[in-house]
Amino acid sequence: MLVMVELIVRKQIKNDGRRNYFGKLPSSDCILLDFIKPWRTFKIIEVK
């Protein structure tokens, strides 16, 4: 499973139709945001 994320919002923003809403990150996984740096790509890989 490969997910491409273009924007991570860490605060509330107005939905102006220019962004795609992907979903919410559970608070238990918010520590992962510390590893995602601006303008860098990353992958979310499902472990089975």
PDB file of N, CA and C in Angstrom:
ATOM      1  N   MET A   1       0.849  -1.176   0.000  1.00  0.00           N
ATOM      2  CA  MET A   1       0.000   0.000   0.000  1.00  0.00           C
ATOM      3  C   MET A   1       0.889   1.231   0.000  1.00  0.00           C
ATOM      4  N   LEU A   2       0.753   2.083  -0.987  1.00  0.00           N
ATOM      5  CA  LEU A   2       1.539   3.307  -1.097  1.00  0.00           C
ATOM      6  C   LEU A   2       0.600   4.492  -1.052  1.00  0.00           C
ATOM      7  N   VAL A   3       0.878   5.429  -0.168  1.00  0.00           N
ATOM      8  CA  VAL A   3       0.048   6.616  -0.027  1.00  0.00           C
ATOM      9  C   VAL A   3       0.932   7.828  -0.249  1.00  0.00           C
ATOM     10  N   MET A   4       0.544   8.700  -1.162  1.00  0.00           N
ATOM     11  CA  MET A   4       1.280   9.933  -1.407  1.00  0.00           C
ATOM     12  C   MET A   4       0.562  11.070  -0.693  1.00  0.00           C
ATOM     13  N   VAL A   5       1.268  11.788   0.136  1.00  0.00           N
ATOM     14  CA  VAL A   5       0.679  12.889   0.886  1.00  0.00           C
ATOM     15  C   VAL A   5       1.337  14.174   0.443  1.00  0.00           C
ATOM     16  N   GLU A   6       0.525  15.157   0.092  1.00  0.00           N
ATOM     17  CA  GLU A   6       1.057  16.432  -0.369  1.00  0.00           C
ATOM     18  C   GLU A   6       1.090  17.480   0.730  1.00  0.00           C
ATOM     19  N   LEU A   7       0.187  17.381   1.690  1.00  0.00           N
ATOM     20  CA  LEU A   7       0.084  18.420   2.708  1.00  0.00           C
ATOM     21  C   LEU A   7      -0.294  17.789   4.035  1.00  0.00           C
ATOM     22  N   ILE A   8       0.426  18.135   5.053  1.00  0.00           N
ATOM     23  CA  ILE A   8       0.076  17.709   6.401  1.00  0.00           C
ATOM     24  C   ILE A   8      -0.272  18.965   7.178  1.00  0.00           C
ATOM     25  N   VAL A   9      -1.465  18.984   7.703  1.00  0.00           N
ATOM     26  CA  VAL A   9      -1.939  20.154   8.431  1.00  0.00           C
ATOM     27  C   VAL A   9      -1.912  19.836   9.912  1.00  0.00           C
ATOM     28  N   ARG A  10      -1.170  20.623  10.638  1.00  0.00           N
ATOM     29  CA  ARG A  10      -1.079  20.390  12.077  1.00  0.00           C
ATOM     30  C   ARG A  10      -1.968  21.346  12.850  1.00  0.00           C
ATOM     31  N   LYS A  11      -2.734  22.158  12.129  1.00  0.00           N
ATOM     32  CA  LYS A  11      -3.692  23.049  12.774  1.00  0.00           C
ATOM     33  C   LYS A  11      -4.909  23.176  11.871  1.00  0.00           C
ATOM     34  N   GLN A  12      -5.987  23.676  12.413  1.00  0.00           N
ATOM     35  CA  GLN A  12      -7.241  23.802  11.688  1.00  0.00           C
ATOM     36  C   GLN A  12      -7.093  24.808  10.540  1.00  0.00           C
ATOM     37  N   ILE A  13      -7.541  24.441   9.323  1.00  0.00           N
ATOM     38  CA  ILE A  13      -7.549  25.369   8.198  1.00  0.00           C
ATOM     39  C   ILE A  13      -8.918  25.335   7.539  1.00  0.00           C
ATOM     40  N   LYS A  14      -9.238  26.410   6.852  1.00  0.00           N
ATOM     41  CA  LYS A  14     -10.511  26.514   6.151  1.00  0.00           C
ATOM     42  C   LYS A  14     -10.481  25.623   4.906  1.00  0.00           C
ATOM     43  N   ASN A  15     -11.565  24.908   4.651  1.00  0.00           N
ATOM     44  CA  ASN A  15     -11.672  24.091   3.443  1.00  0.00           C
ATOM     45  C   ASN A  15     -12.070  25.008   2.291  1.00  0.00           C
ATOM     46  N   ASP A  16     -11.094  25.385   1.475  1.00  0.00           N
ATOM     47  CA  ASP A  16     -11.354  26.294   0.360  1.00  0.00           C
ATOM     48  C   ASP A  16     -11.436  25.565  -0.976  1.00  0.00           C
ATOM     49  N   GLY A  17     -11.408  24.229  -0.952  1.00  0.00           N
ATOM     50  CA  GLY A  17     -11.531  23.459  -2.180  1.00  0.00           C
ATOM     51  C   GLY A  17     -10.227  23.250  -2.928  1.00  0.00           C
ATOM     52  N   ARG A  18      -9.123  23.802  -2.449  1.00  0.00           N
ATOM     53  CA  ARG A  18      -7.836  23.658  -3.135  1.00  0.00           C
ATOM     54  C   ARG A  18      -7.019  22.484  -2.607  1.00  0.00           C
ATOM     55  N   ARG A  19      -7.478  21.863  -1.534  1.00  0.00           N
ATOM     56  CA  ARG A  19      -6.735  20.755  -0.934  1.00  0.00           C
ATOM     57  C   ARG A  19      -7.622  19.528  -0.872  1.00  0.00           C
ATOM     58  N   ASN A  20      -7.009  18.361  -0.921  1.00  0.00           N
ATOM     59  CA  ASN A  20      -7.744  17.106  -0.776  1.00  0.00           C
ATOM     60  C   ASN A  20      -7.622  16.638   0.661  1.00  0.00           C
ATOM     61  N   TYR A  21      -8.753  16.325   1.256  1.00  0.00           N
ATOM     62  CA  TYR A  21      -8.766  15.820   2.623  1.00  0.00           C
ATOM     63  C   TYR A  21      -8.531  14.322   2.577  1.00  0.00           C
ATOM     64  N   PHE A  22      -7.509  13.882   3.236  1.00  0.00           N
ATOM     65  CA  PHE A  22      -7.146  12.458   3.231  1.00  0.00           C
ATOM     66  C   PHE A  22      -7.725  11.735   4.440  1.00  0.00           C
ATOM     67  N   GLY A  23      -7.597  12.306   5.586  1.00  0.00           N
ATOM     68  CA  GLY A  23      -8.082  11.657   6.799  1.00  0.00           C
ATOM     69  C   GLY A  23      -7.414  12.246   8.021  1.00  0.00           C
ATOM     70  N   LYS A  24      -7.630  11.611   9.147  1.00  0.00           N
ATOM     71  CA  LYS A  24      -7.053  12.073  10.405  1.00  0.00           C
ATOM     72  C   LYS A  24      -6.090  11.028  10.936  1.00  0.00           C
ATOM     73  N   LEU A  25      -5.055  11.502  11.559  1.00  0.00           N
ATOM     74  CA  LEU A  25      -4.075  10.635  12.195  1.00  0.00           C
ATOM     75  C   LEU A  25      -4.484  10.462  13.654  1.00  0.00           C
ATOM     76  N   PRO A  26      -4.619   9.232  14.127  1.00  0.00           N
ATOM     77  CA  PRO A  26      -4.979   9.025  15.533  1.00  0.00           C
ATOM     78  C   PRO A  26      -3.950   9.681  16.452  1.00  0.00           C
ATOM     79  N   SER A  27      -4.407  10.191  17.574  1.00  0.00           N
ATOM     80  CA  SER A  27      -3.491  10.872  18.491  1.00  0.00           C
ATOM     81  C   SER A  27      -2.353   9.960  18.944  1.00  0.00           C
ATOM     82  N   SER A  28      -2.597   8.664  18.982  1.00  0.00           N
ATOM     83  CA  SER A  28      -1.534   7.732  19.380  1.00  0.00           C
ATOM     84  C   SER A  28      -0.413   7.654  18.343  1.00  0.00           C
ATOM     85  N   ASP A  29      -0.684   8.071  17.108  1.00  0.00           N
ATOM     86  CA  ASP A  29       0.319   8.035  16.042  1.00  0.00           C
ATOM     87  C   ASP A  29       0.903   9.407  15.727  1.00  0.00           C
ATOM     88  N   CYS A  30       0.516  10.432  16.461  1.00  0.00           N
ATOM     89  CA  CYS A  30       1.002  11.787  16.171  1.00  0.00           C
ATOM     90  C   CYS A  30       2.510  11.915  16.323  1.00  0.00           C
ATOM     91  N   ILE A  31       3.139  11.031  17.066  1.00  0.00           N
ATOM     92  CA  ILE A  31       4.597  11.061  17.202  1.00  0.00           C
ATOM     93  C   ILE A  31       5.270  10.890  15.839  1.00  0.00           C
ATOM     94  N   LEU A  32       4.585  10.246  14.900  1.00  0.00           N
ATOM     95  CA  LEU A  32       5.137  10.059  13.556  1.00  0.00           C
ATOM     96  C   LEU A  32       5.364  11.386  12.843  1.00  0.00           C
ATOM     97  N   LEU A  33       4.612  12.419  13.194  1.00  0.00           N
ATOM     98  CA  LEU A  33       4.769  13.720  12.540  1.00  0.00           C
ATOM     99  C   LEU A  33       6.153  14.310  12.776  1.00  0.00           C
ATOM    100  N   ASP A  34       6.795  13.946  13.867  1.00  0.00           N
ATOM    101  CA  ASP A  34       8.147  14.446  14.144  1.00  0.00           C
ATOM    102  C   ASP A  34       9.161  13.951  13.121  1.00  0.00           C
ATOM    103  N   PHE A  35       8.863  12.857  12.446  1.00  0.00           N
ATOM    104  CA  PHE A  35       9.784  12.282  11.468  1.00  0.00           C
ATOM    105  C   PHE A  35       9.526  12.773  10.046  1.00  0.00           C
ATOM    106  N   ILE A  36       8.434  13.492   9.831  1.00  0.00           N
ATOM    107  CA  ILE A  36       8.085  13.991   8.503  1.00  0.00           C
ATOM    108  C   ILE A  36       8.542  15.436   8.411  1.00  0.00           C
ATOM    109  N   LYS A  37       9.436  15.710   7.495  1.00  0.00           N
ATOM    110  CA  LYS A  37      10.012  17.043   7.355  1.00  0.00           C
ATOM    111  C   LYS A  37       9.367  17.779   6.177  1.00  0.00           C
ATOM    112  N   PRO A  38       9.311  19.121   6.246  1.00  0.00           N
ATOM    113  CA  PRO A  38       8.717  19.899   5.143  1.00  0.00           C
ATOM    114  C   PRO A  38       9.411  19.613   3.815  1.00  0.00           C
ATOM    115  N   TRP A  39       8.628  19.505   2.782  1.00  0.00           N
ATOM    116  CA  TRP A  39       9.071  19.329   1.394  1.00  0.00           C
ATOM    117  C   TRP A  39       9.774  18.002   1.146  1.00  0.00           C
ATOM    118  N   ARG A  40       9.643  17.055   2.034  1.00  0.00           N
ATOM    119  CA  ARG A  40      10.218  15.722   1.851  1.00  0.00           C
ATOM    120  C   ARG A  40       9.096  14.733   1.582  1.00  0.00           C
ATOM    121  N   THR A  41       9.387  13.714   0.796  1.00  0.00           N
ATOM    122  CA  THR A  41       8.389  12.677   0.538  1.00  0.00           C
ATOM    123  C   THR A  41       8.529  11.578   1.582  1.00  0.00           C
ATOM    124  N   PHE A  42       7.458  10.831   1.765  1.00  0.00           N
ATOM    125  CA  PHE A  42       7.485   9.704   2.680  1.00  0.00           C
ATOM    126  C   PHE A  42       6.443   8.689   2.243  1.00  0.00           C
ATOM    127  N   LYS A  43       6.547   7.499   2.771  1.00  0.00           N
ATOM    128  CA  LYS A  43       5.607   6.423   2.462  1.00  0.00           C
ATOM    129  C   LYS A  43       4.988   5.913   3.753  1.00  0.00           C
ATOM    130  N   ILE A  44       3.746   5.504   3.648  1.00  0.00           N
ATOM    131  CA  ILE A  44       3.096   4.785   4.733  1.00  0.00           C
ATOM    132  C   ILE A  44       2.946   3.357   4.238  1.00  0.00           C
ATOM    133  N   ILE A  45       3.603   2.427   4.899  1.00  0.00           N
ATOM    134  CA  ILE A  45       3.620   1.034   4.456  1.00  0.00           C
ATOM    135  C   ILE A  45       2.830   0.189   5.448  1.00  0.00           C
ATOM    136  N   GLU A  46       1.871  -0.544   4.931  1.00  0.00           N
ATOM    137  CA  GLU A  46       1.071  -1.424   5.766  1.00  0.00           C
ATOM    138  C   GLU A  46       1.872  -2.687   6.073  1.00  0.00           C
ATOM    139  N   VAL A  47       2.024  -2.997   7.345  1.00  0.00           N
ATOM    140  CA  VAL A  47       2.745  -4.190   7.769  1.00  0.00           C
ATOM    141  C   VAL A  47       1.719  -5.262   8.085  1.00  0.00           C
ATOM    142  N   LYS A  48       1.892  -6.418   7.449  1.00  0.00           N
ATOM    143  CA  LYS A  48       0.925  -7.505   7.658  1.00  0.00           C
ATOM    144  C   LYS A  48       1.495  -8.566   8.549  1.00  0.00           C
TER     145      LYS A  48
END
